[in-house]
C-alpha atoms as a PDB file:
ATOM      1  CA  MET A   1       0.143   0.260   0.290  1.00  0.00           C
ATOM      2  CA  ALA A   2       3.207   2.650   0.107  1.00  0.00           C
ATOM      3  CA  ALA A   3       3.795   2.347  -3.387  1.00  0.00           C
ATOM      4  CA  ARG A   4       0.597   3.244  -3.988  1.00  0.00           C
ATOM      5  CA  HIS A   5       0.407   5.733  -1.749  1.00  0.00           C
ATOM      6  CA  SER A   6       3.571   7.486  -2.684  1.00  0.00           C
ATOM      7  CA  GLU A   7       2.251   7.062  -6.610  1.00  0.00           C
ATOM      8  CA  PHE A   8      -0.808   9.281  -5.468  1.00  0.00           C
ATOM      9  CA  GLU A   9       0.988  11.573  -3.754  1.00  0.00           C
ATOM     10  CA  GLU A  10       2.894  12.327  -6.848  1.00  0.00           C
ATOM     11  CA  ILE A  11       0.149  12.728  -9.387  1.00  0.00           C
ATOM     12  CA  ARG A  12      -1.709  14.556  -6.266  1.00  0.00           C
ATOM     13  CA  HIS A  13       0.879  17.213  -6.434  1.00  0.00           C
ATOM     14  CA  ILE A  14       0.965  17.678 -10.602  1.00  0.00           C
ATOM     15  CA  LEU A  15      -2.791  18.244  -9.529  1.00  0.00           C
ATOM     16  CA  GLU A  16      -2.050  20.896  -7.326  1.00  0.00           C
ATOM     17  CA  GLU A  17       0.573  23.191  -9.428  1.00  0.00           C
ATOM     18  CA  ALA A  18      -1.899  23.103 -12.622  1.00  0.00           C
ATOM     19  CA  ASP A  19      -4.273  25.850 -13.029  1.00  0.00           C
ATOM     20  CA  GLU A  20      -6.712  23.380 -14.546  1.00  0.00           C
ATOM     21  CA  PRO A  21      -8.116  20.081 -14.251  1.00  0.00           C
ATOM     22  CA  LEU A  22      -5.870  17.443 -16.409  1.00  0.00           C
ATOM     23  CA  THR A  23      -6.127  14.412 -18.227  1.00  0.00           C
ATOM     24  CA  ALA A  24      -4.110  11.298 -17.417  1.00  0.00           C
ATOM     25  CA  SER A  25      -1.832  11.568 -20.280  1.00  0.00           C
ATOM     26  CA  GLU A  26      -1.125  15.066 -19.494  1.00  0.00           C
ATOM     27  CA  ILE A  27      -0.215  14.136 -16.055  1.00  0.00           C
ATOM     28  CA  LEU A  28       2.115  10.893 -17.155  1.00  0.00           C
ATOM     29  CA  GLU A  29       3.414  13.561 -19.133  1.00  0.00           C
ATOM     30  CA  ASP A  30       4.827  15.527 -15.794  1.00  0.00           C
ATOM     31  CA  LEU A  31       5.494  12.687 -13.641  1.00  0.00           C
ATOM     32  CA  GLU A  32       9.144  12.021 -12.667  1.00  0.00           C
ATOM     33  CA  ASP A  33       8.018   8.593 -11.243  1.00  0.00           C
ATOM     34  CA  HIS A  34       8.977   6.039 -14.007  1.00  0.00           C
ATOM     35  CA  GLU A  35       7.231   3.390 -12.130  1.00  0.00           C
ATOM     36  CA  ILE A  36       4.134   4.968 -13.357  1.00  0.00           C
ATOM     37  CA  ASP A  37       4.595   3.922 -16.937  1.00  0.00           C
ATOM     38  CA  SER A  38       0.989   4.717 -18.397  1.00  0.00           C
ATOM     39  CA  ALA A  39      -1.932   6.513 -18.355  1.00  0.00           C
ATOM     40  CA  HIS A  40      -4.011   3.897 -17.691  1.00  0.00           C
ATOM     41  CA  ARG A  41      -2.119   3.794 -14.303  1.00  0.00           C
ATOM     42  CA  VAL A  42      -2.546   7.362 -13.761  1.00  0.00           C
ATOM     43  CA  ALA A  43      -6.293   7.000 -14.410  1.00  0.00           C
ATOM     44  CA  THR A  44      -6.801   3.520 -12.012  1.00  0.00           C
ATOM     45  CA  VAL A  45      -4.692   5.244  -9.316  1.00  0.00           C
ATOM     46  CA  LEU A  46      -7.313   8.261  -9.407  1.00  0.00           C
ATOM     47  CA  GLY A  47     -10.669   6.057  -9.879  1.00  0.00           C
ATOM     48  CA  ARG A  48      -9.976   4.724  -6.578  1.00  0.00           C
ATOM     49  CA  ARG A  49      -9.212   7.781  -4.706  1.00  0.00           C
ATOM     50  CA  ALA A  50     -11.753   9.708  -6.680  1.00  0.00           C
ATOM     51  CA  ASP A  51     -14.362   6.437  -4.772  1.00  0.00           C
ATOM     52  CA  SER A  52     -13.220   7.737  -1.732  1.00  0.00           C
ATOM     53  CA  GLY A  53     -13.545  11.686  -2.134  1.00  0.00           C
ATOM     54  CA  ASP A  54     -10.075  12.699  -2.712  1.00  0.00           C
ATOM     55  CA  VAL A  55     -10.050  13.746  -6.444  1.00  0.00           C
ATOM     56  CA  ASP A  56     -12.910  14.743  -8.765  1.00  0.00           C
ATOM     57  CA  VAL A  57     -13.094  13.562 -11.610  1.00  0.00           C
ATOM     58  CA  ILE A  58     -14.384  15.351 -14.647  1.00  0.00           C
ATOM     59  CA  ARG A  59     -16.420  12.972 -17.028  1.00  0.00           C
ATOM     60  CA  ASP A  60     -15.418  14.684 -20.537  1.00  0.00           C
ATOM     61  CA  ARG A  61     -13.916  12.859 -23.002  1.00  0.00           C
ATOM     62  CA  PRO A  62     -10.971  12.238 -22.079  1.00  0.00           C
ATOM     63  CA  TYR A  63     -11.641  12.673 -18.420  1.00  0.00           C
ATOM     64  CA  ARG A  64      -9.971  15.741 -16.594  1.00  0.00           C
ATOM     65  CA  TYR A  65      -8.877  15.057 -12.518  1.00  0.00           C
ATOM     66  CA  ARG A  66      -8.511  17.742 -10.104  1.00  0.00           C
ATOM     67  CA  VAL A  67      -7.779  17.759  -5.659  1.00  0.00           C
END
């Protein structure tokens, strides 16, 4: 679970710095952690956190995320 926590923390930092909601691909471009290697993984991490209310999912095409 610690690895998943650190993945979210890195993603959350990017979202907090963004001026607008970002797509999973845009987040992936800004990630320094090479363990996260796909937009699908970014979306999975954010989807899990959305269930607990930590992340807002804007259900456009493509989905966008904000904290």
